[in-house]
Amino acid sequence: MKPYELTYIISSEITAGEAEAEVKNIESFVKDKEGIILKLEKISPRTLAYPIKKQSSGFFGVLEFQLEPEYLSELREKIQKNDKIILHTIIINNPAKIQKERRIKRKPLVTSIFSASAEKTKEEAKEKDKKISKKVELKEIEKELEEILSE
């Protein structure tokens, strides 16, 4: 048996007692077909966000049940033929899979010896950047070239 969830809206033109009778009718159909009722939420009157079949309110309900898949089409037909139920959906209610936690990349632990040398290398890199960033004039380059070539 597969778990299903039936969500439905019953017309507001009928009374709350008649709406309860419709719910009992659906519930008895599931039980007659050897299904199991897992959860039955009490119907509640609600105002709809948009009109459905020219109605702006209705009784909203949810029914979770287990049923053999071959009887599901009969249940759908029964609900569709019922004029008092203005909207319904039936979904397969699969349990959510538990996902593994993602590994978090952690920074390696740095000892005091390594951290001191790392700070020195950072300072050296900054000094090199300063030397490179200085502007060198063409005359200085020519002097250095002459010194190198004369040796």
Protein backbone atom coordinates (compact mmCIF):
# COMPACT_ATOMS: atom_id res chain seq x y z
CA MET A 1 0.00 0.00 0.00
CA LYS A 2 1.15 3.50 -0.82
CA PRO A 3 0.59 6.56 1.36
CA TYR A 4 -1.54 9.29 -0.23
CA GLU A 5 -2.77 12.72 0.75
CA LEU A 6 -6.14 14.01 -0.39
CA THR A 7 -6.75 17.75 -0.14
CA TYR A 8 -10.25 18.91 -0.98
CA ILE A 9 -12.62 21.88 -0.87
CA ILE A 10 -16.31 21.23 -0.31
CA SER A 11 -18.90 23.74 -1.53
CA SER A 12 -20.08 26.35 0.95
CA GLU A 13 -23.67 26.02 -0.32
CA ILE A 14 -24.19 23.04 2.00
CA THR A 15 -24.17 23.04 5.79
CA ALA A 16 -21.26 21.96 7.98
CA GLY A 17 -23.15 18.77 8.92
CA GLU A 18 -23.61 17.81 5.27
CA ALA A 19 -19.91 18.54 4.64
CA GLU A 20 -19.00 16.20 7.52
CA ALA A 21 -21.19 13.53 5.90
CA GLU A 22 -19.25 13.91 2.63
CA VAL A 23 -15.97 13.42 4.52
CA LYS A 24 -17.37 10.31 6.23
CA ASN A 25 -18.43 9.04 2.79
CA ILE A 26 -14.86 9.34 1.45
CA GLU A 27 -13.45 7.84 4.64
CA SER A 28 -15.79 4.83 4.44
CA PHE A 29 -14.82 4.26 0.79
CA VAL A 30 -11.13 4.06 1.77
CA LYS A 31 -11.94 1.66 4.62
CA ASP A 32 -14.13 -0.53 2.33
CA LYS A 33 -11.18 -0.97 -0.03
CA GLU A 34 -9.02 -2.17 2.90
CA GLY A 35 -7.23 1.16 3.19
CA ILE A 36 -5.89 2.73 6.35
CA ILE A 37 -6.70 6.27 7.50
CA LEU A 38 -3.47 7.80 8.80
CA LYS A 39 -4.59 11.34 9.56
CA LEU A 40 -7.89 13.15 9.22
CA GLU A 41 -7.98 16.90 9.72
CA LYS A 42 -11.31 18.37 10.73
CA ILE A 43 -12.83 20.43 7.93
CA SER A 44 -12.78 24.17 8.39
CA PRO A 45 -14.62 26.94 6.54
CA ARG A 46 -12.22 29.17 4.60
CA THR A 47 -12.42 32.10 2.26
CA LEU A 48 -10.79 31.22 -1.05
CA ALA A 49 -8.10 33.37 -2.64
CA TYR A 50 -9.94 33.26 -5.96
CA PRO A 51 -13.38 31.99 -6.98
CA ILE A 52 -13.67 28.31 -7.86
CA LYS A 53 -16.81 27.35 -9.77
CA LYS A 54 -18.26 30.77 -8.89
CA GLN A 55 -17.78 30.22 -5.15
CA SER A 56 -15.62 32.40 -2.94
CA SER A 57 -15.61 30.19 0.17
CA GLY A 58 -15.71 26.52 1.07
CA PHE A 59 -14.88 23.82 3.61
CA PHE A 60 -11.20 22.87 3.43
CA GLY A 61 -9.98 19.45 4.52
CA VAL A 62 -7.01 17.07 4.33
CA LEU A 63 -7.06 13.28 4.54
CA GLU A 64 -3.90 11.14 4.70
CA PHE A 65 -4.41 7.47 3.98
CA GLN A 66 -2.85 4.28 2.63
CA LEU A 67 -4.51 2.46 -0.25
CA GLU A 68 -3.66 -0.03 -2.94
CA PRO A 69 -2.88 1.83 -6.20
CA GLU A 70 -5.58 -0.05 -8.19
CA TYR A 71 -8.34 1.49 -6.04
CA LEU A 72 -7.06 5.04 -6.44
CA SER A 73 -8.74 5.54 -9.82
CA GLU A 74 -12.09 4.50 -8.29
CA LEU A 75 -11.64 7.05 -5.51
CA ARG A 76 -10.85 9.79 -8.05
CA GLU A 77 -13.97 8.95 -10.07
CA LYS A 78 -16.12 8.98 -6.94
CA ILE A 79 -14.81 12.42 -5.96
CA GLN A 80 -15.15 13.85 -9.48
CA LYS A 81 -18.76 12.71 -9.75
CA ASN A 82 -19.61 14.37 -6.44
CA ASP A 83 -20.91 17.88 -7.22
CA LYS A 84 -20.41 19.06 -3.64
CA ILE A 85 -16.59 18.75 -3.85
CA ILE A 86 -15.47 21.69 -5.97
CA LEU A 87 -11.71 21.04 -5.94
CA HIS A 88 -9.46 18.15 -4.95
CA THR A 89 -5.89 16.89 -5.37
CA ILE A 90 -4.42 13.51 -4.54
CA ILE A 91 -0.66 13.19 -4.17
CA ILE A 92 1.66 10.35 -3.23
CA ASN A 93 2.93 11.17 0.24
CA ASN A 94 6.51 9.88 0.15
CA PRO A 95 8.52 10.41 3.31
CA ALA A 96 11.36 12.89 2.96
CA LYS A 97 14.83 11.38 2.67
CA ILE A 98 17.30 12.37 5.33
CA GLN A 99 20.21 14.07 3.66
CA LYS A 100 23.76 13.74 4.87
CA GLU A 101 25.32 16.82 6.32
CA ARG A 102 27.75 18.55 4.03
CA ARG A 103 31.34 18.56 5.10
CA ILE A 104 32.63 21.95 6.04
CA LYS A 105 36.15 22.80 4.97
CA ARG A 106 37.99 23.91 8.02
CA LYS A 107 41.19 25.88 8.15
CA PRO A 108 44.09 23.77 9.37
CA LEU A 109 45.29 24.45 12.87
CA VAL A 110 48.42 26.61 12.79
CA THR A 111 50.99 26.40 15.57
CA SER A 112 52.85 29.44 16.87
CA ILE A 113 56.05 28.52 14.96
CA PHE A 114 54.24 28.43 11.65
CA SER A 115 52.22 31.53 12.36
CA ALA A 116 55.37 33.57 13.09
CA SER A 117 56.98 32.47 9.81
CA ALA A 118 53.76 33.16 7.96
CA GLU A 119 53.72 36.71 9.32
CA LYS A 120 57.33 37.20 8.18
CA THR A 121 56.51 36.05 4.66
CA LYS A 122 53.56 38.43 4.53
CA GLU A 123 55.78 41.33 5.58
CA GLU A 124 58.43 40.38 2.99
CA ALA A 125 55.81 40.23 0.28
CA LYS A 126 54.58 43.71 1.20
CA GLU A 127 58.13 45.09 1.05
CA LYS A 128 58.67 43.55 -2.40
CA ASP A 129 55.43 45.10 -3.62
CA LYS A 130 56.61 48.49 -2.37
CA LYS A 131 59.92 48.13 -4.22
CA ILE A 132 58.21 47.10 -7.43
CA SER A 133 55.65 49.85 -7.21
CA LYS A 134 58.32 52.61 -7.15
CA LYS A 135 58.72 54.46 -10.44
CA VAL A 136 62.11 54.11 -12.07
CA GLU A 137 63.37 56.75 -14.41
CA LEU A 138 65.04 56.02 -17.72
CA LYS A 139 68.38 57.63 -16.67
CA GLU A 140 68.73 55.27 -13.70
CA ILE A 141 68.15 52.25 -15.93
CA GLU A 142 70.81 53.45 -18.40
CA LYS A 143 73.37 53.90 -15.57
CA GLU A 144 72.73 50.40 -14.27
CA LEU A 145 73.04 48.95 -17.76
CA GLU A 146 76.40 50.68 -18.33
CA GLU A 147 77.70 49.35 -15.02
CA ILE A 148 76.63 45.83 -15.89
CA LEU A 149 78.08 45.94 -19.43
CA SER A 150 81.38 47.48 -18.36
CA GLU A 151 82.13 44.62 -15.96
